[in-house]
Amino acid sequence: MDLDAPIMAHGYSSNGSGRDYADRGDPAYWLPVFHKYPSLRVCIAHFGRFDARSAGRTQPFPDGSWEWTLGEFIRANPRQPVFADISYFSEALEAESKRAPLARYFRRWVGEFDPEVNHLVFGTDWIMLGKEKGYSHYIESVNSFLRQDCGFGDDVCDKIFRGNALRLLPLQRWSKGRERLLAWYRRNGVDPKRLPISPSGVFAGLVGD
């Protein structure tokens, strides 16, 4: 909070170092933090598989998923800077028959929780994707999934690939985070014009304009 720094958290039930450890990434456990610190910038990674059961939920998937828990919070708090990224979404590299159910879930999630699509961000997961067949076409495959499978238009895809990241990151004019970044630029002789400015938007009144 003091640094106005964004936080990225692992958000899929994987890579646990012991029994049930992977469940600690459940967005359900972030909810008390979101409520206590409403201006905290958080991105929950690896959104979009809808197959991990969230704590306390008994509904069939996708309603019982981590994504649905996060979605319900976003619907109730649409101005809060809480995001989910589509990273290591290797399913986009799969055959259409495997992508189709996920596309239905994506469309339903957006319709129920984030109709203006202000909380989804594109991601890659660094070099980890390198072991996946077809990874060199990952961006194109995700773009095709969003446009062709999900039926999202240019405006929605622009938000996911670019616009929403400008709100997740501390780029708002006069914000503490931006001033911190500009100070680093000055110390290291980097042209401050390289740092983009986030346009006014849905979170302007909360995290600065």
Protein backbone atom coordinates (compact mmCIF):
# COMPACT_ATOMS: atom_id res chain seq x y z
CA MET A 1 0.00 0.00 0.00
CA ASP A 2 2.80 2.44 0.88
CA LEU A 3 4.45 1.85 -2.50
CA ASP A 4 1.20 1.74 -4.51
CA ALA A 5 2.68 -1.40 -6.05
CA PRO A 6 0.64 -4.02 -7.94
CA ILE A 7 0.65 -7.58 -6.66
CA MET A 8 0.49 -10.66 -8.85
CA ALA A 9 -0.62 -13.85 -7.13
CA HIS A 10 -0.62 -17.43 -8.37
CA GLY A 11 -4.26 -18.19 -9.06
CA TYR A 12 -4.58 -21.79 -10.16
CA SER A 13 -4.59 -25.02 -8.17
CA SER A 14 -1.14 -26.16 -9.23
CA ASN A 15 2.50 -26.22 -8.14
CA GLY A 16 1.75 -26.97 -4.51
CA SER A 17 4.81 -28.07 -2.53
CA GLY A 18 2.75 -30.38 -0.33
CA ARG A 19 -0.70 -31.89 0.10
CA ASP A 20 -3.42 -29.26 -0.34
CA TYR A 21 -0.84 -26.47 -0.58
CA ALA A 22 -2.01 -25.55 -4.07
CA ASP A 23 -5.43 -24.70 -2.64
CA ARG A 24 -3.92 -21.69 -0.91
CA GLY A 25 -4.11 -19.79 -4.18
CA ASP A 26 -7.92 -19.86 -4.04
CA PRO A 27 -9.31 -16.32 -4.53
CA ALA A 28 -11.64 -17.05 -1.60
CA TYR A 29 -8.68 -16.47 0.71
CA TRP A 30 -8.00 -13.09 -0.87
CA LEU A 31 -11.48 -11.74 -0.16
CA PRO A 32 -10.69 -10.50 3.39
CA VAL A 33 -7.65 -8.68 1.98
CA PHE A 34 -9.71 -7.08 -0.79
CA HIS A 35 -12.26 -5.87 1.74
CA LYS A 36 -9.65 -4.51 4.15
CA TYR A 37 -7.54 -2.76 1.48
CA PRO A 38 -9.93 -1.57 -1.26
CA SER A 39 -7.27 0.36 -3.21
CA LEU A 40 -4.80 -2.55 -3.33
CA ARG A 41 -3.90 -3.49 -6.92
CA VAL A 42 -4.03 -7.28 -7.28
CA CYS A 43 -3.91 -9.56 -10.29
CA ILE A 44 -4.90 -13.21 -9.81
CA ALA A 45 -3.01 -15.20 -12.43
CA HIS A 46 -4.01 -18.15 -14.62
CA PHE A 47 -7.69 -17.32 -15.01
CA GLY A 48 -9.89 -19.36 -17.29
CA ARG A 49 -9.88 -23.09 -16.60
CA PHE A 50 -12.93 -23.23 -14.32
CA ASP A 51 -12.03 -26.63 -12.88
CA ALA A 52 -10.68 -25.88 -9.37
CA ARG A 53 -13.26 -25.91 -6.57
CA SER A 54 -13.28 -22.81 -4.42
CA ALA A 55 -13.49 -23.05 -0.63
CA GLY A 56 -17.04 -23.44 0.66
CA ARG A 57 -18.62 -23.90 -2.76
CA THR A 58 -20.61 -27.01 -3.61
CA GLN A 59 -22.10 -26.05 -6.97
CA PRO A 60 -21.14 -27.91 -10.11
CA PHE A 61 -18.57 -26.27 -12.37
CA PRO A 62 -18.18 -23.59 -13.45
CA ASP A 63 -20.24 -22.10 -10.60
CA GLY A 64 -18.11 -23.86 -8.00
CA SER A 65 -14.82 -22.64 -9.44
CA TRP A 66 -12.19 -20.19 -8.27
CA GLU A 67 -13.17 -17.96 -11.20
CA TRP A 68 -16.76 -17.76 -9.96
CA THR A 69 -15.64 -16.73 -6.47
CA LEU A 70 -13.52 -13.96 -7.95
CA GLY A 71 -16.29 -12.98 -10.34
CA GLU A 72 -18.82 -12.52 -7.56
CA PHE A 73 -16.45 -10.15 -5.79
CA ILE A 74 -15.82 -8.16 -8.98
CA ARG A 75 -19.55 -7.88 -9.67
CA ALA A 76 -20.11 -6.48 -6.17
CA ASN A 77 -17.05 -4.19 -6.35
CA PRO A 78 -16.63 -3.16 -9.99
CA ARG A 79 -14.48 -0.11 -9.23
CA GLN A 80 -11.92 -2.00 -7.18
CA PRO A 81 -8.55 -2.64 -8.92
CA VAL A 82 -8.76 -6.43 -8.77
CA PHE A 83 -7.90 -8.27 -11.98
CA ALA A 84 -7.38 -11.74 -13.38
CA ASP A 85 -4.89 -12.56 -16.10
CA ILE A 86 -5.08 -15.15 -18.85
CA SER A 87 -1.56 -16.55 -18.49
CA TYR A 88 -0.22 -19.97 -19.40
CA PHE A 89 -3.55 -20.46 -21.12
CA SER A 90 -2.25 -23.41 -23.11
CA GLU A 91 -5.83 -24.48 -23.75
CA ALA A 92 -5.86 -21.86 -26.51
CA LEU A 93 -3.39 -24.09 -28.35
CA GLU A 94 -5.74 -27.08 -28.20
CA ALA A 95 -8.27 -28.28 -30.76
CA GLU A 96 -11.54 -26.38 -31.12
CA SER A 97 -13.48 -29.18 -29.40
CA LYS A 98 -11.48 -28.59 -26.19
CA ARG A 99 -11.71 -24.81 -26.42
CA ALA A 100 -15.47 -24.67 -26.95
CA PRO A 101 -16.56 -25.41 -23.34
CA LEU A 102 -14.08 -22.86 -21.98
CA ALA A 103 -15.36 -20.26 -24.43
CA ARG A 104 -18.90 -20.81 -23.15
CA TYR A 105 -17.68 -20.32 -19.58
CA PHE A 106 -15.78 -17.16 -20.57
CA ARG A 107 -18.86 -15.65 -22.19
CA ARG A 108 -21.03 -16.53 -19.23
CA TRP A 109 -18.48 -15.19 -16.72
CA VAL A 110 -18.22 -11.90 -18.55
CA GLY A 111 -21.99 -11.61 -18.86
CA GLU A 112 -22.61 -12.27 -15.18
CA PHE A 113 -19.67 -10.56 -13.51
CA ASP A 114 -17.77 -8.14 -15.75
CA PRO A 115 -19.98 -7.08 -18.68
CA GLU A 116 -17.73 -4.16 -19.58
CA VAL A 117 -14.65 -6.44 -19.38
CA ASN A 118 -12.64 -4.12 -17.15
CA HIS A 119 -10.90 -6.83 -15.08
CA LEU A 120 -9.31 -9.35 -17.50
CA VAL A 121 -5.67 -8.98 -18.58
CA PHE A 122 -3.57 -10.89 -21.10
CA GLY A 123 -0.53 -12.73 -19.75
CA THR A 124 2.06 -15.28 -20.88
CA ASP A 125 3.86 -16.73 -17.82
CA TRP A 126 7.34 -15.82 -19.03
CA ILE A 127 9.28 -18.71 -20.63
CA MET A 128 7.21 -21.45 -19.02
CA LEU A 129 5.08 -21.76 -22.15
CA GLY A 130 8.16 -22.84 -24.09
CA LYS A 131 7.46 -26.49 -23.35
CA GLU A 132 4.02 -26.36 -24.98
CA LYS A 133 3.60 -27.40 -28.59
CA GLY A 134 2.68 -24.38 -30.65
CA TYR A 135 3.87 -21.87 -28.04
CA SER A 136 5.45 -19.65 -30.72
CA HIS A 137 1.92 -18.81 -31.85
CA TYR A 138 0.55 -18.29 -28.33
CA ILE A 139 -0.49 -14.66 -28.75
CA GLU A 140 -2.21 -15.39 -32.04
CA SER A 141 -3.95 -18.42 -30.50
CA VAL A 142 -5.24 -16.46 -27.50
CA ASN A 143 -6.38 -13.69 -29.83
CA SER A 144 -8.23 -16.24 -31.96
CA PHE A 145 -9.80 -17.82 -28.87
CA LEU A 146 -11.10 -14.46 -27.64
CA ARG A 147 -12.36 -13.32 -31.03
CA GLN A 148 -13.49 -16.50 -32.76
CA ASP A 149 -14.40 -18.83 -29.90
CA CYS A 150 -15.71 -16.25 -27.43
CA GLY A 151 -17.00 -13.77 -29.99
CA PHE A 152 -15.40 -10.72 -28.35
CA GLY A 153 -15.01 -7.63 -30.50
CA ASP A 154 -12.12 -5.25 -31.04
CA ASP A 155 -12.99 -3.06 -28.05
CA VAL A 156 -13.05 -5.99 -25.62
CA CYS A 157 -9.84 -7.51 -26.99
CA ASP A 158 -8.09 -4.14 -26.78
CA LYS A 159 -9.00 -3.96 -23.09
CA ILE A 160 -7.71 -7.47 -22.42
CA PHE A 161 -4.47 -7.08 -24.38
CA ARG A 162 -3.66 -3.49 -23.41
CA GLY A 163 -6.19 -1.20 -21.76
CA ASN A 164 -6.84 -3.05 -18.50
CA ALA A 165 -3.11 -3.39 -17.80
CA LEU A 166 -2.90 0.41 -17.76
CA ARG A 167 -5.32 0.39 -14.84
CA LEU A 168 -3.70 -2.52 -13.03
CA LEU A 169 -0.29 -0.84 -13.12
CA PRO A 170 0.33 2.39 -11.17
CA LEU A 171 0.37 4.65 -14.22
CA GLN A 172 -2.32 7.15 -13.20
CA ARG A 173 -1.15 10.77 -13.19
CA TRP A 174 -0.12 11.98 -9.70
CA SER A 175 -0.47 8.52 -8.15
CA LYS A 176 2.12 7.40 -5.60
CA GLY A 177 3.08 4.47 -7.76
CA ARG A 178 3.70 6.64 -10.81
CA GLU A 179 5.81 9.07 -8.80
CA ARG A 180 7.86 6.16 -7.48
CA LEU A 181 8.44 4.87 -11.02
CA LEU A 182 9.33 8.34 -12.32
CA ALA A 183 11.88 8.72 -9.53
CA TRP A 184 13.49 5.45 -10.65
CA TYR A 185 13.52 6.70 -14.25
CA ARG A 186 15.27 9.91 -13.18
CA ARG A 187 17.87 8.08 -11.10
CA ASN A 188 18.72 5.80 -14.00
CA GLY A 189 18.64 8.34 -16.79
CA VAL A 190 15.60 6.86 -18.53
CA ASP A 191 13.37 9.16 -20.54
CA PRO A 192 10.16 9.60 -18.48
CA LYS A 193 8.18 9.93 -21.71
CA ARG A 194 8.57 6.18 -22.09
CA LEU A 195 6.22 5.66 -19.15
CA PRO A 196 2.63 5.68 -20.45
CA ILE A 197 -0.17 7.48 -18.67
CA SER A 198 -3.29 5.57 -17.83
CA PRO A 199 -6.43 7.28 -19.18
CA SER A 200 -9.22 8.19 -16.83
CA GLY A 201 -11.52 5.24 -16.37
CA VAL A 202 -13.51 3.02 -14.11
CA PHE A 203 -10.97 3.15 -11.26
CA ALA A 204 -10.01 6.82 -11.56
CA GLY A 205 -11.77 7.93 -8.41
CA LEU A 206 -10.16 5.18 -6.35
CA VAL A 207 -6.54 4.96 -7.45
CA GLY A 208 -5.91 8.44 -8.84
CA ASP A 209 -6.50 10.25 -12.13
